[in-house]
């Protein structure tokens, strides 16, 4: 069943997107053609894998690193979008 989230070309910042529920959400948003910002804290390899999966399926994705407990890092992350 296809759900039309109307996300085409919208930017979706998914925190914790390198694994678990965040990963699943990032992949789903990618399927809906959102531009996915795949957030990670420490594991850039896992985040890159998620980005590559989205891109390989025809979507757009970038990896962004930040400690979301640090306001300045969140601000920097959002500014890169």
PDB file of N, CA and C in Angstrom:
ATOM      1  N   UNK A   1       0.848  -1.181   0.000  1.00  0.00           N
ATOM      2  CA  UNK A   1       0.000   0.000   0.000  1.00  0.00           C
ATOM      3  C   UNK A   1       0.885   1.233   0.000  1.00  0.00           C
ATOM      4  N   UNK A   2       0.671   2.110  -0.928  1.00  0.00           N
ATOM      5  CA  UNK A   2       1.458   3.336  -1.034  1.00  0.00           C
ATOM      6  C   UNK A   2       0.754   4.470  -0.294  1.00  0.00           C
ATOM      7  N   UNK A   3       1.490   5.126   0.554  1.00  0.00           N
ATOM      8  CA  UNK A   3       0.963   6.287   1.271  1.00  0.00           C
ATOM      9  C   UNK A   3       1.641   7.521   0.698  1.00  0.00           C
ATOM     10  N   UNK A   4       0.861   8.491   0.233  1.00  0.00           N
ATOM     11  CA  UNK A   4       1.411   9.713  -0.338  1.00  0.00           C
ATOM     12  C   UNK A   4       1.558  10.748   0.772  1.00  0.00           C
ATOM     13  N   UNK A   5       2.795  10.881   1.278  1.00  0.00           N
ATOM     14  CA  UNK A   5       3.062  11.847   2.334  1.00  0.00           C
ATOM     15  C   UNK A   5       3.273  13.253   1.797  1.00  0.00           C
ATOM     16  N   UNK A   6       3.286  13.382   0.483  1.00  0.00           N
ATOM     17  CA  UNK A   6       3.529  14.673  -0.154  1.00  0.00           C
ATOM     18  C   UNK A   6       4.849  15.290   0.321  1.00  0.00           C
ATOM     19  N   UNK A   7       5.855  14.447   0.387  1.00  0.00           N
ATOM     20  CA  UNK A   7       7.162  14.895   0.884  1.00  0.00           C
ATOM     21  C   UNK A   7       8.170  15.178  -0.218  1.00  0.00           C
ATOM     22  N   UNK A   8       7.776  15.007  -1.451  1.00  0.00           N
ATOM     23  CA  UNK A   8       8.710  15.217  -2.556  1.00  0.00           C
ATOM     24  C   UNK A   8       9.384  16.579  -2.425  1.00  0.00           C
ATOM     25  N   UNK A   9      10.722  16.555  -2.389  1.00  0.00           N
ATOM     26  CA  UNK A   9      11.569  17.746  -2.315  1.00  0.00           C
ATOM     27  C   UNK A   9      11.456  18.536  -1.013  1.00  0.00           C
ATOM     28  N   UNK A  10      10.803  17.984  -0.018  1.00  0.00           N
ATOM     29  CA  UNK A  10      10.808  18.575   1.318  1.00  0.00           C
ATOM     30  C   UNK A  10      12.038  18.036   2.039  1.00  0.00           C
ATOM     31  N   UNK A  11      12.589  18.792   2.967  1.00  0.00           N
ATOM     32  CA  UNK A  11      13.751  18.338   3.729  1.00  0.00           C
ATOM     33  C   UNK A  11      13.266  17.706   5.029  1.00  0.00           C
ATOM     34  N   UNK A  12      13.734  16.491   5.272  1.00  0.00           N
ATOM     35  CA  UNK A  12      13.403  15.778   6.505  1.00  0.00           C
ATOM     36  C   UNK A  12      14.692  15.514   7.269  1.00  0.00           C
ATOM     37  N   UNK A  13      14.825  16.119   8.428  1.00  0.00           N
ATOM     38  CA  UNK A  13      15.966  15.879   9.298  1.00  0.00           C
ATOM     39  C   UNK A  13      15.564  14.789  10.270  1.00  0.00           C
ATOM     40  N   UNK A  14      16.195  13.620  10.151  1.00  0.00           N
ATOM     41  CA  UNK A  14      15.875  12.476  10.993  1.00  0.00           C
ATOM     42  C   UNK A  14      17.027  12.270  11.966  1.00  0.00           C
ATOM     43  N   UNK A  15      16.777  12.532  13.247  1.00  0.00           N
ATOM     44  CA  UNK A  15      17.829  12.335  14.248  1.00  0.00           C
ATOM     45  C   UNK A  15      17.956  10.860  14.565  1.00  0.00           C
ATOM     46  N   UNK A  16      19.187  10.441  14.830  1.00  0.00           N
ATOM     47  CA  UNK A  16      19.449   9.037  15.129  1.00  0.00           C
ATOM     48  C   UNK A  16      19.159   8.136  13.943  1.00  0.00           C
ATOM     49  N   UNK A  17      19.389   8.634  12.742  1.00  0.00           N
ATOM     50  CA  UNK A  17      18.997   7.922  11.528  1.00  0.00           C
ATOM     51  C   UNK A  17      19.985   6.854  11.080  1.00  0.00           C
ATOM     52  N   UNK A  18      21.050   6.651  11.826  1.00  0.00           N
ATOM     53  CA  UNK A  18      22.029   5.656  11.397  1.00  0.00           C
ATOM     54  C   UNK A  18      21.670   4.237  11.835  1.00  0.00           C
ATOM     55  N   UNK A  19      20.633   4.110  12.695  1.00  0.00           N
ATOM     56  CA  UNK A  19      20.255   2.765  13.136  1.00  0.00           C
ATOM     57  C   UNK A  19      18.832   2.752  13.690  1.00  0.00           C
ATOM     58  N   UNK A  20      18.306   1.580  13.865  1.00  0.00           N
ATOM     59  CA  UNK A  20      17.017   1.376  14.510  1.00  0.00           C
ATOM     60  C   UNK A  20      15.858   2.095  13.852  1.00  0.00           C
ATOM     61  N   UNK A  21      14.997   2.643  14.689  1.00  0.00           N
ATOM     62  CA  UNK A  21      13.799   3.323  14.215  1.00  0.00           C
ATOM     63  C   UNK A  21      14.139   4.531  13.347  1.00  0.00           C
ATOM     64  N   UNK A  22      15.181   5.275  13.715  1.00  0.00           N
ATOM     65  CA  UNK A  22      15.595   6.417  12.905  1.00  0.00           C
ATOM     66  C   UNK A  22      15.991   6.006  11.504  1.00  0.00           C
ATOM     67  N   UNK A  23      16.696   4.888  11.389  1.00  0.00           N
ATOM     68  CA  UNK A  23      17.098   4.353  10.074  1.00  0.00           C
ATOM     69  C   UNK A  23      15.859   4.011   9.257  1.00  0.00           C
ATOM     70  N   UNK A  24      14.925   3.307   9.868  1.00  0.00           N
ATOM     71  CA  UNK A  24      13.702   2.921   9.164  1.00  0.00           C
ATOM     72  C   UNK A  24      12.935   4.153   8.684  1.00  0.00           C
ATOM     73  N   UNK A  25      12.869   5.172   9.534  1.00  0.00           N
ATOM     74  CA  UNK A  25      12.173   6.403   9.159  1.00  0.00           C
ATOM     75  C   UNK A  25      12.891   7.102   8.002  1.00  0.00           C
ATOM     76  N   UNK A  26      14.212   7.168   8.073  1.00  0.00           N
ATOM     77  CA  UNK A  26      14.978   7.822   7.007  1.00  0.00           C
ATOM     78  C   UNK A  26      14.759   7.123   5.674  1.00  0.00           C
ATOM     79  N   UNK A  27      14.796   5.800   5.685  1.00  0.00           N
ATOM     80  CA  UNK A  27      14.581   5.051   4.443  1.00  0.00           C
ATOM     81  C   UNK A  27      13.172   5.283   3.905  1.00  0.00           C
ATOM     82  N   UNK A  28      12.192   5.317   4.775  1.00  0.00           N
ATOM     83  CA  UNK A  28      10.802   5.539   4.348  1.00  0.00           C
ATOM     84  C   UNK A  28      10.624   6.946   3.789  1.00  0.00           C
ATOM     85  N   UNK A  29      11.192   7.946   4.460  1.00  0.00           N
ATOM     86  CA  UNK A  29      11.106   9.309   3.938  1.00  0.00           C
ATOM     87  C   UNK A  29      11.792   9.396   2.578  1.00  0.00           C
ATOM     88  N   UNK A  30      12.907   8.677   2.423  1.00  0.00           N
ATOM     89  CA  UNK A  30      13.581   8.632   1.140  1.00  0.00           C
ATOM     90  C   UNK A  30      12.704   8.032   0.056  1.00  0.00           C
ATOM     91  N   UNK A  31      11.967   6.975   0.393  1.00  0.00           N
ATOM     92  CA  UNK A  31      11.039   6.364  -0.560  1.00  0.00           C
ATOM     93  C   UNK A  31       9.980   7.358  -1.010  1.00  0.00           C
ATOM     94  N   UNK A  32       9.605   8.244  -0.113  1.00  0.00           N
ATOM     95  CA  UNK A  32       8.600   9.259  -0.432  1.00  0.00           C
ATOM     96  C   UNK A  32       9.219  10.492  -1.095  1.00  0.00           C
ATOM     97  N   UNK A  33      10.499  10.398  -1.407  1.00  0.00           N
ATOM     98  CA  UNK A  33      11.253  11.415  -2.147  1.00  0.00           C
ATOM     99  C   UNK A  33      11.500  12.703  -1.393  1.00  0.00           C
ATOM    100  N   UNK A  34      11.492  12.626  -0.071  1.00  0.00           N
ATOM    101  CA  UNK A  34      11.977  13.768   0.704  1.00  0.00           C
ATOM    102  C   UNK A  34      13.497  13.806   0.558  1.00  0.00           C
ATOM    103  N   UNK A  35      14.079  14.969   0.718  1.00  0.00           N
ATOM    104  CA  UNK A  35      15.535  15.089   0.821  1.00  0.00           C
ATOM    105  C   UNK A  35      15.848  14.799   2.286  1.00  0.00           C
ATOM    106  N   UNK A  36      16.549  13.702   2.535  1.00  0.00           N
ATOM    107  CA  UNK A  36      16.728  13.220   3.903  1.00  0.00           C
ATOM    108  C   UNK A  36      18.097  13.625   4.450  1.00  0.00           C
ATOM    109  N   UNK A  37      18.072  14.314   5.580  1.00  0.00           N
ATOM    110  CA  UNK A  37      19.283  14.617   6.327  1.00  0.00           C
ATOM    111  C   UNK A  37      19.416  13.521   7.381  1.00  0.00           C
ATOM    112  N   UNK A  38      20.402  12.652   7.179  1.00  0.00           N
ATOM    113  CA  UNK A  38      20.624  11.493   8.046  1.00  0.00           C
ATOM    114  C   UNK A  38      21.556  11.915   9.177  1.00  0.00           C
ATOM    115  N   UNK A  39      20.990  12.127  10.354  1.00  0.00           N
ATOM    116  CA  UNK A  39      21.773  12.567  11.506  1.00  0.00           C
ATOM    117  C   UNK A  39      22.438  11.378  12.192  1.00  0.00           C
ATOM    118  N   UNK A  40      23.651  11.618  12.675  1.00  0.00           N
ATOM    119  CA  UNK A  40      24.356  10.625  13.489  1.00  0.00           C
ATOM    120  C   UNK A  40      25.203  11.372  14.507  1.00  0.00           C
ATOM    121  N   UNK A  41      25.568  10.667  15.566  1.00  0.00           N
ATOM    122  CA  UNK A  41      26.456  11.248  16.570  1.00  0.00           C
ATOM    123  C   UNK A  41      27.866  10.714  16.382  1.00  0.00           C
ATOM    124  N   UNK A  42      28.019   9.392  16.385  1.00  0.00           N
ATOM    125  CA  UNK A  42      29.359   8.799  16.347  1.00  0.00           C
ATOM    126  C   UNK A  42      29.653   7.902  15.152  1.00  0.00           C
ATOM    127  N   UNK A  43      28.672   7.222  14.631  1.00  0.00           N
ATOM    128  CA  UNK A  43      28.948   6.200  13.628  1.00  0.00           C
ATOM    129  C   UNK A  43      28.685   6.699  12.210  1.00  0.00           C
ATOM    130  N   UNK A  44      29.683   7.335  11.639  1.00  0.00           N
ATOM    131  CA  UNK A  44      29.526   7.879  10.286  1.00  0.00           C
ATOM    132  C   UNK A  44      29.366   6.771   9.250  1.00  0.00           C
ATOM    133  N   UNK A  45      29.964   5.606   9.491  1.00  0.00           N
ATOM    134  CA  UNK A  45      29.840   4.502   8.528  1.00  0.00           C
ATOM    135  C   UNK A  45      28.398   4.053   8.371  1.00  0.00           C
ATOM    136  N   UNK A  46      27.698   3.887   9.471  1.00  0.00           N
ATOM    137  CA  UNK A  46      26.285   3.485   9.406  1.00  0.00           C
ATOM    138  C   UNK A  46      25.441   4.568   8.739  1.00  0.00           C
ATOM    139  N   UNK A  47      25.717   5.821   9.066  1.00  0.00           N
ATOM    140  CA  UNK A  47      24.977   6.923   8.451  1.00  0.00           C
ATOM    141  C   UNK A  47      25.209   6.949   6.942  1.00  0.00           C
ATOM    142  N   UNK A  48      26.450   6.750   6.528  1.00  0.00           N
ATOM    143  CA  UNK A  48      26.772   6.713   5.095  1.00  0.00           C
ATOM    144  C   UNK A  48      26.035   5.576   4.401  1.00  0.00           C
ATOM    145  N   UNK A  49      25.916   4.430   5.066  1.00  0.00           N
ATOM    146  CA  UNK A  49      25.183   3.299   4.492  1.00  0.00           C
ATOM    147  C   UNK A  49      23.725   3.665   4.250  1.00  0.00           C
ATOM    148  N   UNK A  50      23.121   4.368   5.210  1.00  0.00           N
ATOM    149  CA  UNK A  50      21.732   4.792   5.055  1.00  0.00           C
ATOM    150  C   UNK A  50      21.616   5.770   3.884  1.00  0.00           C
ATOM    151  N   UNK A  51      22.516   6.727   3.818  1.00  0.00           N
ATOM    152  CA  UNK A  51      22.511   7.685   2.700  1.00  0.00           C
ATOM    153  C   UNK A  51      22.653   6.972   1.370  1.00  0.00           C
ATOM    154  N   UNK A  52      23.591   6.040   1.288  1.00  0.00           N
ATOM    155  CA  UNK A  52      23.809   5.300   0.039  1.00  0.00           C
ATOM    156  C   UNK A  52      22.567   4.498  -0.349  1.00  0.00           C
ATOM    157  N   UNK A  53      21.883   3.919   0.634  1.00  0.00           N
ATOM    158  CA  UNK A  53      20.664   3.161   0.344  1.00  0.00           C
ATOM    159  C   UNK A  53      19.584   4.063  -0.234  1.00  0.00           C
ATOM    160  N   UNK A  54      19.436   5.238   0.346  1.00  0.00           N
ATOM    161  CA  UNK A  54      18.426   6.184  -0.143  1.00  0.00           C
ATOM    162  C   UNK A  54      18.766   6.633  -1.558  1.00  0.00           C
ATOM    163  N   UNK A  55      20.024   6.976  -1.774  1.00  0.00           N
ATOM    164  CA  UNK A  55      20.466   7.452  -3.088  1.00  0.00           C
ATOM    165  C   UNK A  55      20.355   6.346  -4.136  1.00  0.00           C
ATOM    166  N   UNK A  56      20.724   5.119  -3.773  1.00  0.00           N
ATOM    167  CA  UNK A  56      20.647   3.988  -4.698  1.00  0.00           C
ATOM    168  C   UNK A  56      19.211   3.720  -5.139  1.00  0.00           C
ATOM    169  N   UNK A  57      18.253   4.059  -4.276  1.00  0.00           N
ATOM    170  CA  UNK A  57      16.840   3.862  -4.593  1.00  0.00           C
ATOM    171  C   UNK A  57      16.257   5.057  -5.352  1.00  0.00           C
ATOM    172  N   UNK A  58      17.101   6.040  -5.684  1.00  0.00           N
ATOM    173  CA  UNK A  58      16.654   7.186  -6.459  1.00  0.00           C
ATOM    174  C   UNK A  58      16.335   8.428  -5.651  1.00  0.00           C
ATOM    175  N   UNK A  59      16.622   8.393  -4.349  1.00  0.00           N
ATOM    176  CA  UNK A  59      16.342   9.538  -3.490  1.00  0.00           C
ATOM    177  C   UNK A  59      17.543  10.435  -3.303  1.00  0.00           C
ATOM    178  N   UNK A  60      17.383  11.405  -2.441  1.00  0.00           N
ATOM    179  CA  UNK A  60      18.455  12.344  -2.115  1.00  0.00           C
ATOM    180  C   UNK A  60      18.679  12.306  -0.611  1.00  0.00           C
ATOM    181  N   UNK A  61      19.954  12.298  -0.203  1.00  0.00           N
ATOM    182  CA  UNK A  61      20.276  12.241   1.225  1.00  0.00           C
ATOM    183  C   UNK A  61      21.649  12.824   1.486  1.00  0.00           C
ATOM    184  N   UNK A  62      21.794  13.393   2.676  1.00  0.00           N
ATOM    185  CA  UNK A  62      23.093  13.849   3.153  1.00  0.00           C
ATOM    186  C   UNK A  62      23.252  13.379   4.596  1.00  0.00           C
ATOM    187  N   UNK A  63      24.483  13.220   5.018  1.00  0.00           N
ATOM    188  CA  UNK A  63      24.772  12.853   6.399  1.00  0.00           C
ATOM    189  C   UNK A  63      25.156  14.112   7.174  1.00  0.00           C
ATOM    190  N   UNK A  64      24.632  14.229   8.385  1.00  0.00           N
ATOM    191  CA  UNK A  64      24.954  15.361   9.240  1.00  0.00           C
ATOM    192  C   UNK A  64      25.285  14.857  10.635  1.00  0.00           C
ATOM    193  N   UNK A  65      26.386  15.337  11.184  1.00  0.00           N
ATOM    194  CA  UNK A  65      26.847  14.912  12.506  1.00  0.00           C
ATOM    195  C   UNK A  65      26.603  16.023  13.500  1.00  0.00           C
ATOM    196  N   UNK A  66      26.072  15.652  14.677  1.00  0.00           N
ATOM    197  CA  UNK A  66      25.885  16.634  15.745  1.00  0.00           C
ATOM    198  C   UNK A  66      25.501  15.917  17.032  1.00  0.00           C
ATOM    199  N   UNK A  67      25.874  16.531  18.137  1.00  0.00           N
ATOM    200  CA  UNK A  67      25.404  16.101  19.452  1.00  0.00           C
ATOM    201  C   UNK A  67      24.173  16.945  19.738  1.00  0.00           C
ATOM    202  N   UNK A  68      22.982  16.341  19.695  1.00  0.00           N
ATOM    203  CA  UNK A  68      21.753  17.116  19.832  1.00  0.00           C
ATOM    204  C   UNK A  68      21.551  17.660  21.246  1.00  0.00           C
ATOM    205  N   UNK A  69      22.401  17.261  22.178  1.00  0.00           N
ATOM    206  CA  UNK A  69      22.354  17.838  23.530  1.00  0.00           C
ATOM    207  C   UNK A  69      23.093  19.167  23.598  1.00  0.00           C
ATOM    208  N   UNK A  70      23.786  19.534  22.516  1.00  0.00           N
ATOM    209  CA  UNK A  70      24.551  20.777  22.452  1.00  0.00           C
ATOM    210  C   UNK A  70      23.882  21.739  21.462  1.00  0.00           C
ATOM    211  N   UNK A  71      23.294  22.786  21.975  1.00  0.00           N
ATOM    212  CA  UNK A  71      22.544  23.735  21.140  1.00  0.00           C
ATOM    213  C   UNK A  71      23.367  24.254  19.961  1.00  0.00           C
ATOM    214  N   UNK A  72      24.620  24.580  20.188  1.00  0.00           N
ATOM    215  CA  UNK A  72      25.448  25.134  19.108  1.00  0.00           C
ATOM    216  C   UNK A  72      25.634  24.113  17.977  1.00  0.00           C
ATOM    217  N   UNK A  73      25.729  22.841  18.329  1.00  0.00           N
ATOM    218  CA  UNK A  73      25.878  21.812  17.300  1.00  0.00           C
ATOM    219  C   UNK A  73      24.576  21.610  16.521  1.00  0.00           C
ATOM    220  N   UNK A  74      23.449  21.714  17.203  1.00  0.00           N
ATOM    221  CA  UNK A  74      22.164  21.619  16.527  1.00  0.00           C
ATOM    222  C   UNK A  74      22.000  22.789  15.563  1.00  0.00           C
ATOM    223  N   UNK A  75      22.331  23.978  16.015  1.00  0.00           N
ATOM    224  CA  UNK A  75      22.261  25.156  15.153  1.00  0.00           C
ATOM    225  C   UNK A  75      23.134  24.984  13.907  1.00  0.00           C
ATOM    226  N   UNK A  76      24.351  24.503  14.110  1.00  0.00           N
ATOM    227  CA  UNK A  76      25.258  24.274  12.978  1.00  0.00           C
ATOM    228  C   UNK A  76      24.684  23.241  12.014  1.00  0.00           C
ATOM    229  N   UNK A  77      24.137  22.171  12.565  1.00  0.00           N
ATOM    230  CA  UNK A  77      23.566  21.117  11.732  1.00  0.00           C
ATOM    231  C   UNK A  77      22.420  21.664  10.891  1.00  0.00           C
ATOM    232  N   UNK A  78      21.527  22.402  11.499  1.00  0.00           N
ATOM    233  CA  UNK A  78      20.374  22.938  10.787  1.00  0.00           C
ATOM    234  C   UNK A  78      20.817  23.937   9.709  1.00  0.00           C
ATOM    235  N   UNK A  79      21.847  24.713   9.982  1.00  0.00           N
ATOM    236  CA  UNK A  79      22.343  25.680   9.010  1.00  0.00           C
ATOM    237  C   UNK A  79      22.915  25.001   7.766  1.00  0.00           C
ATOM    238  N   UNK A  80      23.377  23.761   7.895  1.00  0.00           N
ATOM    239  CA  UNK A  80      23.921  23.058   6.722  1.00  0.00           C
ATOM    240  C   UNK A  80      22.822  22.584   5.785  1.00  0.00           C
ATOM    241  N   UNK A  81      21.590  22.585   6.260  1.00  0.00           N
ATOM    242  CA  UNK A  81      20.493  22.128   5.424  1.00  0.00           C
ATOM    243  C   UNK A  81      20.079  23.233   4.529  1.00  0.00           C
TER     244      UNK A  81
END
